[in-house]
PDB file of N, CA and C in Angstrom:
ATOM      1  N   MET A   1      10.847 -17.122 -17.825  1.00  0.00           N
ATOM      2  CA  MET A   1       9.886 -16.698 -16.737  1.00  0.00           C
ATOM      3  C   MET A   1       8.844 -17.792 -16.623  1.00  0.00           C
ATOM      4  N   VAL A   2       8.417 -18.066 -15.337  1.00  0.00           N
ATOM      5  CA  VAL A   2       7.465 -19.128 -15.084  1.00  0.00           C
ATOM      6  C   VAL A   2       6.354 -18.380 -14.354  1.00  0.00           C
ATOM      7  N   LEU A   3       5.101 -19.066 -14.551  1.00  0.00           N
ATOM      8  CA  LEU A   3       3.974 -18.503 -13.824  1.00  0.00           C
ATOM      9  C   LEU A   3       3.666 -19.440 -12.667  1.00  0.00           C
ATOM     10  N   LYS A   4       3.632 -18.936 -11.465  1.00  0.00           N
ATOM     11  CA  LYS A   4       3.404 -19.632 -10.243  1.00  0.00           C
ATOM     12  C   LYS A   4       2.217 -19.166  -9.461  1.00  0.00           C
ATOM     13  N   THR A   5       1.581 -19.965  -8.724  1.00  0.00           N
ATOM     14  CA  THR A   5       0.365 -19.592  -7.904  1.00  0.00           C
ATOM     15  C   THR A   5       0.847 -19.725  -6.362  1.00  0.00           C
ATOM     16  N   PHE A   6       0.495 -18.740  -5.634  1.00  0.00           N
ATOM     17  CA  PHE A   6       0.840 -18.574  -4.232  1.00  0.00           C
ATOM     18  C   PHE A   6      -0.452 -18.415  -3.518  1.00  0.00           C
ATOM     19  N   SER A   7      -0.505 -18.901  -2.288  1.00  0.00           N
ATOM     20  CA  SER A   7      -1.659 -18.619  -1.414  1.00  0.00           C
ATOM     21  C   SER A   7      -1.328 -17.594  -0.379  1.00  0.00           C
ATOM     22  N   VAL A   8      -1.887 -16.525  -0.365  1.00  0.00           N
ATOM     23  CA  VAL A   8      -1.686 -15.454   0.633  1.00  0.00           C
ATOM     24  C   VAL A   8      -3.022 -14.932   1.246  1.00  0.00           C
ATOM     25  N   GLN A   9      -2.843 -14.357   2.345  1.00  0.00           N
ATOM     26  CA  GLN A   9      -4.153 -13.855   3.015  1.00  0.00           C
ATOM     27  C   GLN A   9      -4.690 -12.712   2.102  1.00  0.00           C
ATOM     28  N   GLU A  10      -6.006 -12.647   1.902  1.00  0.00           N
ATOM     29  CA  GLU A  10      -6.630 -11.788   1.008  1.00  0.00           C
ATOM     30  C   GLU A  10      -6.212 -10.334   1.446  1.00  0.00           C
ATOM     31  N   GLN A  11      -6.432 -10.044   2.735  1.00  0.00           N
ATOM     32  CA  GLN A  11      -6.156  -8.639   3.276  1.00  0.00           C
ATOM     33  C   GLN A  11      -4.724  -8.165   3.044  1.00  0.00           C
ATOM     34  N   ILE A  12      -3.748  -9.184   3.063  1.00  0.00           N
ATOM     35  CA  ILE A  12      -2.374  -8.859   2.839  1.00  0.00           C
ATOM     36  C   ILE A  12      -2.144  -8.496   1.362  1.00  0.00           C
ATOM     37  N   TYR A  13      -2.678  -9.378   0.511  1.00  0.00           N
ATOM     38  CA  TYR A  13      -2.686  -9.204  -0.937  1.00  0.00           C
ATOM     39  C   TYR A  13      -3.285  -7.819  -1.402  1.00  0.00           C
ATOM     40  N   THR A  14      -4.394  -7.496  -0.828  1.00  0.00           N
ATOM     41  CA  THR A  14      -5.150  -6.274  -1.162  1.00  0.00           C
ATOM     42  C   THR A  14      -4.322  -5.150  -0.768  1.00  0.00           C
ATOM     43  N   GLU A  15      -3.790  -5.100   0.409  1.00  0.00           N
ATOM     44  CA  GLU A  15      -2.917  -3.941   0.904  1.00  0.00           C
ATOM     45  C   GLU A  15      -1.689  -3.756   0.157  1.00  0.00           C
ATOM     46  N   PHE A  16      -0.899  -4.947  -0.219  1.00  0.00           N
ATOM     47  CA  PHE A  16       0.139  -4.854  -0.956  1.00  0.00           C
ATOM     48  C   PHE A  16      -0.037  -4.385  -2.382  1.00  0.00           C
ATOM     49  N   SER A  17      -1.093  -4.863  -2.999  1.00  0.00           N
ATOM     50  CA  SER A  17      -1.544  -4.511  -4.277  1.00  0.00           C
ATOM     51  C   SER A  17      -1.717  -3.074  -4.341  1.00  0.00           C
ATOM     52  N   GLY A  18      -2.529  -2.421  -3.428  1.00  0.00           N
ATOM     53  CA  GLY A  18      -2.663  -1.052  -3.319  1.00  0.00           C
ATOM     54  C   GLY A  18      -1.421  -0.276  -3.153  1.00  0.00           C
ATOM     55  N   TYR A  19      -0.512  -0.742  -2.292  1.00  0.00           N
ATOM     56  CA  TYR A  19       0.739  -0.042  -2.076  1.00  0.00           C
ATOM     57  C   TYR A  19       1.511  -0.074  -3.440  1.00  0.00           C
ATOM     58  N   CYS A  20       1.622  -1.137  -4.134  1.00  0.00           N
ATOM     59  CA  CYS A  20       2.277  -1.153  -5.364  1.00  0.00           C
ATOM     60  C   CYS A  20       1.737  -0.206  -6.383  1.00  0.00           C
ATOM     61  N   LYS A  21       0.330  -0.109  -6.478  1.00  0.00           N
ATOM     62  CA  LYS A  21      -0.350   0.710  -7.384  1.00  0.00           C
ATOM     63  C   LYS A  21      -0.050   2.195  -7.058  1.00  0.00           C
ATOM     64  N   GLU A  22      -0.175   2.542  -5.735  1.00  0.00           N
ATOM     65  CA  GLU A  22       0.097   3.944  -5.266  1.00  0.00           C
ATOM     66  C   GLU A  22       1.521   4.365  -5.533  1.00  0.00           C
ATOM     67  N   ASN A  23       2.446   3.403  -5.585  1.00  0.00           N
ATOM     68  CA  ASN A  23       3.919   3.800  -5.760  1.00  0.00           C
ATOM     69  C   ASN A  23       4.378   3.437  -7.193  1.00  0.00           C
ATOM     70  N   GLY A  24       3.517   3.000  -7.896  1.00  0.00           N
ATOM     71  CA  GLY A  24       3.898   2.768  -9.442  1.00  0.00           C
ATOM     72  C   GLY A  24       5.021   1.658  -9.456  1.00  0.00           C
ATOM     73  N   ILE A  25       4.839   0.605  -8.675  1.00  0.00           N
ATOM     74  CA  ILE A  25       5.812  -0.451  -8.780  1.00  0.00           C
ATOM     75  C   ILE A  25       5.182  -1.753  -9.190  1.00  0.00           C
ATOM     76  N   ASN A  26       5.848  -2.746  -9.744  1.00  0.00           N
ATOM     77  CA  ASN A  26       5.405  -3.956 -10.152  1.00  0.00           C
ATOM     78  C   ASN A  26       5.393  -4.899  -9.024  1.00  0.00           C
ATOM     79  N   MET A  27       4.227  -5.508  -8.772  1.00  0.00           N
ATOM     80  CA  MET A  27       4.116  -6.330  -7.602  1.00  0.00           C
ATOM     81  C   MET A  27       4.937  -7.646  -7.855  1.00  0.00           C
ATOM     82  N   SER A  28       4.859  -8.237  -8.960  1.00  0.00           N
ATOM     83  CA  SER A  28       5.618  -9.468  -9.274  1.00  0.00           C
ATOM     84  C   SER A  28       7.117  -9.276  -9.105  1.00  0.00           C
ATOM     85  N   LYS A  29       7.560  -8.198  -9.537  1.00  0.00           N
ATOM     86  CA  LYS A  29       8.935  -7.748  -9.383  1.00  0.00           C
ATOM     87  C   LYS A  29       9.402  -7.629  -7.974  1.00  0.00           C
ATOM     88  N   GLN A  30       8.549  -7.121  -7.071  1.00  0.00           N
ATOM     89  CA  GLN A  30       8.840  -6.957  -5.730  1.00  0.00           C
ATOM     90  C   GLN A  30       8.957  -8.285  -5.054  1.00  0.00           C
ATOM     91  N   VAL A  31       8.000  -9.203  -5.406  1.00  0.00           N
ATOM     92  CA  VAL A  31       8.073 -10.555  -4.815  1.00  0.00           C
ATOM     93  C   VAL A  31       9.336 -11.253  -5.236  1.00  0.00           C
ATOM     94  N   GLU A  32       9.793 -11.080  -6.573  1.00  0.00           N
ATOM     95  CA  GLU A  32      10.953 -11.670  -7.089  1.00  0.00           C
ATOM     96  C   GLU A  32      12.221 -11.112  -6.345  1.00  0.00           C
ATOM     97  N   ILE A  33      12.284  -9.835  -6.146  1.00  0.00           N
ATOM     98  CA  ILE A  33      13.325  -9.232  -5.428  1.00  0.00           C
ATOM     99  C   ILE A  33      13.414  -9.723  -4.042  1.00  0.00           C
ATOM    100  N   PHE A  34      12.351  -9.944  -3.384  1.00  0.00           N
ATOM    101  CA  PHE A  34      12.252 -10.380  -2.032  1.00  0.00           C
ATOM    102  C   PHE A  34      12.899 -11.797  -1.992  1.00  0.00           C
ATOM    103  N   MET A  35      12.431 -12.661  -2.926  1.00  0.00           N
ATOM    104  CA  MET A  35      12.910 -13.985  -2.968  1.00  0.00           C
ATOM    105  C   MET A  35      14.335 -14.009  -3.181  1.00  0.00           C
ATOM    106  N   GLN A  36      14.768 -13.231  -4.035  1.00  0.00           N
ATOM    107  CA  GLN A  36      16.346 -13.201  -4.317  1.00  0.00           C
ATOM    108  C   GLN A  36      17.166 -12.690  -3.009  1.00  0.00           C
ATOM    109  N   SER A  37      16.539 -11.730  -2.319  1.00  0.00           N
ATOM    110  CA  SER A  37      17.143 -11.292  -1.186  1.00  0.00           C
ATOM    111  C   SER A  37      17.197 -12.439  -0.017  1.00  0.00           C
ATOM    112  N   VAL A  38      16.171 -13.220   0.014  1.00  0.00           N
ATOM    113  CA  VAL A  38      16.225 -14.304   0.975  1.00  0.00           C
ATOM    114  C   VAL A  38      17.191 -15.391   0.750  1.00  0.00           C
ATOM    115  N   ILE A  39      17.423 -15.718  -0.628  1.00  0.00           N
ATOM    116  CA  ILE A  39      18.396 -16.783  -0.882  1.00  0.00           C
ATOM    117  C   ILE A  39      19.804 -16.354  -1.126  1.00  0.00           C
ATOM    118  N   ALA A  40      19.991 -14.958  -1.110  1.00  0.00           N
ATOM    119  CA  ALA A  40      21.324 -14.397  -1.425  1.00  0.00           C
ATOM    120  C   ALA A  40      22.278 -14.768  -0.248  1.00  0.00           C
ATOM    121  N   GLU A  41      23.506 -15.046  -0.595  1.00  0.00           N
ATOM    122  CA  GLU A  41      24.452 -15.366   0.483  1.00  0.00           C
ATOM    123  C   GLU A  41      25.000 -14.170   1.222  1.00  0.00           C
ATOM    124  N   GLU A  42      25.004 -13.078   0.520  1.00  0.00           N
ATOM    125  CA  GLU A  42      25.613 -11.940   1.134  1.00  0.00           C
ATOM    126  C   GLU A  42      24.405 -11.005   1.721  1.00  0.00           C
ATOM    127  N   PRO A  43      24.570 -10.534   2.861  1.00  0.00           N
ATOM    128  CA  PRO A  43      23.494  -9.661   3.475  1.00  0.00           C
ATOM    129  C   PRO A  43      23.315  -8.408   2.858  1.00  0.00           C
ATOM    130  N   LYS A  44      24.253  -8.044   1.936  1.00  0.00           N
ATOM    131  CA  LYS A  44      24.134  -6.787   1.225  1.00  0.00           C
ATOM    132  C   LYS A  44      22.872  -6.738   0.331  1.00  0.00           C
ATOM    133  N   ALA A  45      22.513  -7.849  -0.231  1.00  0.00           N
ATOM    134  CA  ALA A  45      21.291  -8.018  -0.991  1.00  0.00           C
ATOM    135  C   ALA A  45      20.006  -7.445  -0.257  1.00  0.00           C
ATOM    136  N   LYS A  46      20.009  -7.921   1.043  1.00  0.00           N
ATOM    137  CA  LYS A  46      18.849  -7.515   1.875  1.00  0.00           C
ATOM    138  C   LYS A  46      18.866  -6.077   2.135  1.00  0.00           C
ATOM    139  N   LYS A  47      20.059  -5.512   2.462  1.00  0.00           N
ATOM    140  CA  LYS A  47      20.133  -3.989   2.692  1.00  0.00           C
ATOM    141  C   LYS A  47      19.834  -3.220   1.371  1.00  0.00           C
ATOM    142  N   GLU A  48      20.303  -3.674   0.337  1.00  0.00           N
ATOM    143  CA  GLU A  48      20.052  -3.003  -0.933  1.00  0.00           C
ATOM    144  C   GLU A  48      18.607  -3.079  -1.261  1.00  0.00           C
ATOM    145  N   TYR A  49      17.854  -4.126  -1.013  1.00  0.00           N
ATOM    146  CA  TYR A  49      16.462  -4.186  -1.217  1.00  0.00           C
ATOM    147  C   TYR A  49      15.798  -3.255  -0.288  1.00  0.00           C
ATOM    148  N   LEU A  50      16.010  -3.160   0.977  1.00  0.00           N
ATOM    149  CA  LEU A  50      15.368  -2.313   1.872  1.00  0.00           C
ATOM    150  C   LEU A  50      15.695  -0.915   1.532  1.00  0.00           C
ATOM    151  N   ASP A  51      16.892  -0.654   1.170  1.00  0.00           N
ATOM    152  CA  ASP A  51      17.194   0.783   0.723  1.00  0.00           C
ATOM    153  C   ASP A  51      16.408   1.242  -0.557  1.00  0.00           C
ATOM    154  N   LYS A  52      16.244   0.232  -1.500  1.00  0.00           N
ATOM    155  CA  LYS A  52      15.435   0.583  -2.616  1.00  0.00           C
ATOM    156  C   LYS A  52      14.078   0.802  -2.307  1.00  0.00           C
ATOM    157  N   LEU A  53      13.465   0.044  -1.411  1.00  0.00           N
ATOM    158  CA  LEU A  53      12.103   0.302  -0.973  1.00  0.00           C
ATOM    159  C   LEU A  53      11.949   1.642  -0.226  1.00  0.00           C
ATOM    160  N   GLU A  54      12.858   2.068   0.533  1.00  0.00           N
ATOM    161  CA  GLU A  54      12.832   3.285   1.226  1.00  0.00           C
ATOM    162  C   GLU A  54      12.860   4.444   0.226  1.00  0.00           C
ATOM    163  N   ARG A  55      13.727   4.348  -0.829  1.00  0.00           N
ATOM    164  CA  ARG A  55      13.852   5.389  -1.797  1.00  0.00           C
ATOM    165  C   ARG A  55      12.458   5.544  -2.576  1.00  0.00           C
ATOM    166  N   ILE A  56      11.825   4.333  -2.779  1.00  0.00           N
ATOM    167  CA  ILE A  56      10.488   4.383  -3.499  1.00  0.00           C
ATOM    168  C   ILE A  56       9.478   5.038  -2.685  1.00  0.00           C
ATOM    169  N   ARG A  57       9.458   4.651  -1.366  1.00  0.00           N
ATOM    170  CA  ARG A  57       8.507   5.319  -0.419  1.00  0.00           C
ATOM    171  C   ARG A  57       8.698   6.812  -0.363  1.00  0.00           C
ATOM    172  N   LYS A  58       9.850   7.329  -0.334  1.00  0.00           N
ATOM    173  CA  LYS A  58      10.168   8.714  -0.220  1.00  0.00           C
ATOM    174  C   LYS A  58      10.058   9.485  -1.573  1.00  0.00           C
ATOM    175  N   GLY A  59       9.801   8.824  -2.635  1.00  0.00           N
ATOM    176  CA  GLY A  59       9.805   9.395  -3.956  1.00  0.00           C
ATOM    177  C   GLY A  59       8.717  10.493  -4.183  1.00  0.00           C
ATOM    178  N   LYS A  60       8.970  11.246  -5.065  1.00  0.00           N
ATOM    179  CA  LYS A  60       7.982  12.380  -5.454  1.00  0.00           C
ATOM    180  C   LYS A  60       7.112  11.890  -6.630  1.00  0.00           C
ATOM    181  N   PHE A  61       5.825  11.774  -6.202  1.00  0.00           N
ATOM    182  CA  PHE A  61       4.926  11.231  -7.263  1.00  0.00           C
ATOM    183  C   PHE A  61       3.845  12.247  -7.558  1.00  0.00           C
ATOM    184  N   ILE A  62       3.328  12.285  -8.795  1.00  0.00           N
ATOM    185  CA  ILE A  62       2.349  13.133  -9.197  1.00  0.00           C
ATOM    186  C   ILE A  62       0.943  12.309  -9.371  1.00  0.00           C
ATOM    187  N   LYS A  63       0.025  12.730  -8.651  1.00  0.00           N
ATOM    188  CA  LYS A  63      -1.309  11.986  -8.700  1.00  0.00           C
ATOM    189  C   LYS A  63      -2.013  12.373  -9.985  1.00  0.00           C
ATOM    190  N   VAL A  64      -2.303  11.380 -10.748  1.00  0.00           N
ATOM    191  CA  VAL A  64      -2.919  11.538 -12.093  1.00  0.00           C
ATOM    192  C   VAL A  64      -4.165  10.716 -12.150  1.00  0.00           C
ATOM    193  N   ASN A  65      -5.359  11.373 -12.207  1.00  0.00           N
ATOM    194  CA  ASN A  65      -6.623  10.580 -12.216  1.00  0.00           C
ATOM    195  C   ASN A  65      -6.909  10.074 -13.651  1.00  0.00           C
ATOM    196  N   SER A  66      -6.507  10.935 -14.687  1.00  0.00           N
ATOM    197  CA  SER A  66      -6.775  10.511 -15.987  1.00  0.00           C
ATOM    198  C   SER A  66      -5.646  11.051 -16.908  1.00  0.00           C
ATOM    199  N   LEU A  67      -4.924  10.150 -17.517  1.00  0.00           N
ATOM    200  CA  LEU A  67      -3.788  10.523 -18.399  1.00  0.00           C
ATOM    201  C   LEU A  67      -4.345  11.301 -19.632  1.00  0.00           C
ATOM    202  N   ALA A  68      -5.484  10.943 -20.073  1.00  0.00           N
ATOM    203  CA  ALA A  68      -6.081  11.597 -21.243  1.00  0.00           C
ATOM    204  C   ALA A  68      -6.446  13.096 -20.928  1.00  0.00           C
ATOM    205  N   GLU A  69      -6.836  13.361 -19.695  1.00  0.00           N
ATOM    206  CA  GLU A  69      -7.231  14.721 -19.263  1.00  0.00           C
ATOM    207  C   GLU A  69      -5.848  15.462 -18.998  1.00  0.00           C
ATOM    208  N   ARG A  70      -5.029  14.823 -18.422  1.00  0.00           N
ATOM    209  CA  ARG A  70      -3.828  15.523 -18.069  1.00  0.00           C
ATOM    210  C   ARG A  70      -2.795  15.888 -19.197  1.00  0.00           C
ATOM    211  N   TYR A  71      -2.871  15.159 -20.326  1.00  0.00           N
ATOM    212  CA  TYR A  71      -2.003  15.345 -21.440  1.00  0.00           C
ATOM    213  C   TYR A  71      -2.812  15.639 -22.651  1.00  0.00           C
ATOM    214  N   LYS A  72      -3.853  16.527 -22.591  1.00  0.00           N
ATOM    215  CA  LYS A  72      -4.547  16.984 -23.747  1.00  0.00           C
ATOM    216  C   LYS A  72      -3.819  17.879 -24.520  1.00  0.00           C
TER     217      LYS A  72
END
Protein backbone atom coordinates (compact mmCIF):
# COMPACT_ATOMS: atom_id res chain seq x y z
CA MET A 1 0.00 0.00 0.00
CA VAL A 2 1.22 3.51 -0.77
CA LEU A 3 0.29 6.87 0.65
CA LYS A 4 -0.60 9.44 -2.02
CA THR A 5 -1.79 13.02 -1.85
CA PHE A 6 -4.55 14.34 -4.10
CA SER A 7 -5.95 17.82 -4.51
CA VAL A 8 -9.74 18.02 -4.35
CA GLN A 9 -12.18 20.80 -3.73
CA GLU A 10 -12.72 21.24 -0.01
CA GLN A 11 -16.51 21.17 -0.30
CA ILE A 12 -16.44 17.91 -2.25
CA TYR A 13 -14.05 16.36 0.29
CA THR A 14 -16.18 17.52 3.22
CA GLU A 15 -19.40 16.19 1.71
CA PHE A 16 -17.86 12.84 0.71
CA SER A 17 -16.21 12.48 4.11
CA GLY A 18 -19.57 13.07 5.80
CA TYR A 19 -21.24 10.60 3.46
CA CYS A 20 -18.66 7.94 4.30
CA LYS A 21 -18.99 8.55 8.04
CA GLU A 22 -22.79 8.44 7.90
CA ASN A 23 -22.73 5.16 6.02
CA GLY A 24 -19.87 3.54 7.91
CA ILE A 25 -17.63 3.12 4.89
CA ASN A 26 -13.92 3.68 4.41
CA MET A 27 -13.22 6.73 2.22
CA SER A 28 -9.85 5.46 1.00
CA LYS A 29 -11.36 2.13 -0.02
CA GLN A 30 -14.09 3.92 -1.98
CA VAL A 31 -11.48 5.93 -3.87
CA GLU A 32 -9.54 2.72 -4.57
CA ILE A 33 -12.67 0.93 -5.83
CA PHE A 34 -13.47 3.90 -8.06
CA MET A 35 -9.95 3.85 -9.54
CA GLN A 36 -10.19 0.12 -10.18
CA SER A 37 -13.53 0.55 -11.92
CA VAL A 38 -12.12 3.24 -14.21
CA ILE A 39 -9.17 1.14 -15.37
CA ALA A 40 -11.05 -2.16 -15.59
CA GLU A 41 -11.43 -3.56 -19.08
CA GLU A 42 -14.84 -5.04 -18.44
CA PRO A 43 -17.79 -2.70 -17.82
CA LYS A 44 -19.05 -5.19 -15.20
CA ALA A 45 -16.69 -3.64 -12.67
CA LYS A 46 -18.42 -0.28 -13.02
CA LYS A 47 -21.87 -1.86 -12.63
CA GLU A 48 -20.72 -3.90 -9.63
CA TYR A 49 -19.32 -0.75 -8.03
CA LEU A 50 -22.54 1.20 -8.59
CA ASP A 51 -24.63 -1.73 -7.33
CA LYS A 52 -22.51 -1.94 -4.19
CA LEU A 53 -22.94 1.78 -3.53
CA GLU A 54 -26.70 1.48 -4.00
CA ARG A 55 -26.86 -1.41 -1.48
CA ILE A 56 -24.88 0.67 1.01
CA ARG A 57 -27.19 3.66 0.55
CA LYS A 58 -30.26 1.49 1.17
CA GLY A 59 -28.72 -0.30 4.16
CA LYS A 60 -30.29 -0.35 7.58
CA PHE A 61 -28.20 1.61 10.01
CA ILE A 62 -28.55 2.22 13.72
CA LYS A 63 -27.64 5.71 14.86
CA VAL A 64 -25.29 5.48 17.84
CA ASN A 65 -24.13 8.65 19.56
CA SER A 66 -22.02 6.90 22.17
CA LEU A 67 -20.93 3.26 22.08
CA ALA A 68 -20.13 3.41 25.79
CA GLU A 69 -23.70 4.47 26.60
CA ARG A 70 -25.31 2.05 24.16
CA TYR A 71 -23.44 -1.03 25.40
CA LYS A 72 -23.40 -0.55 29.17
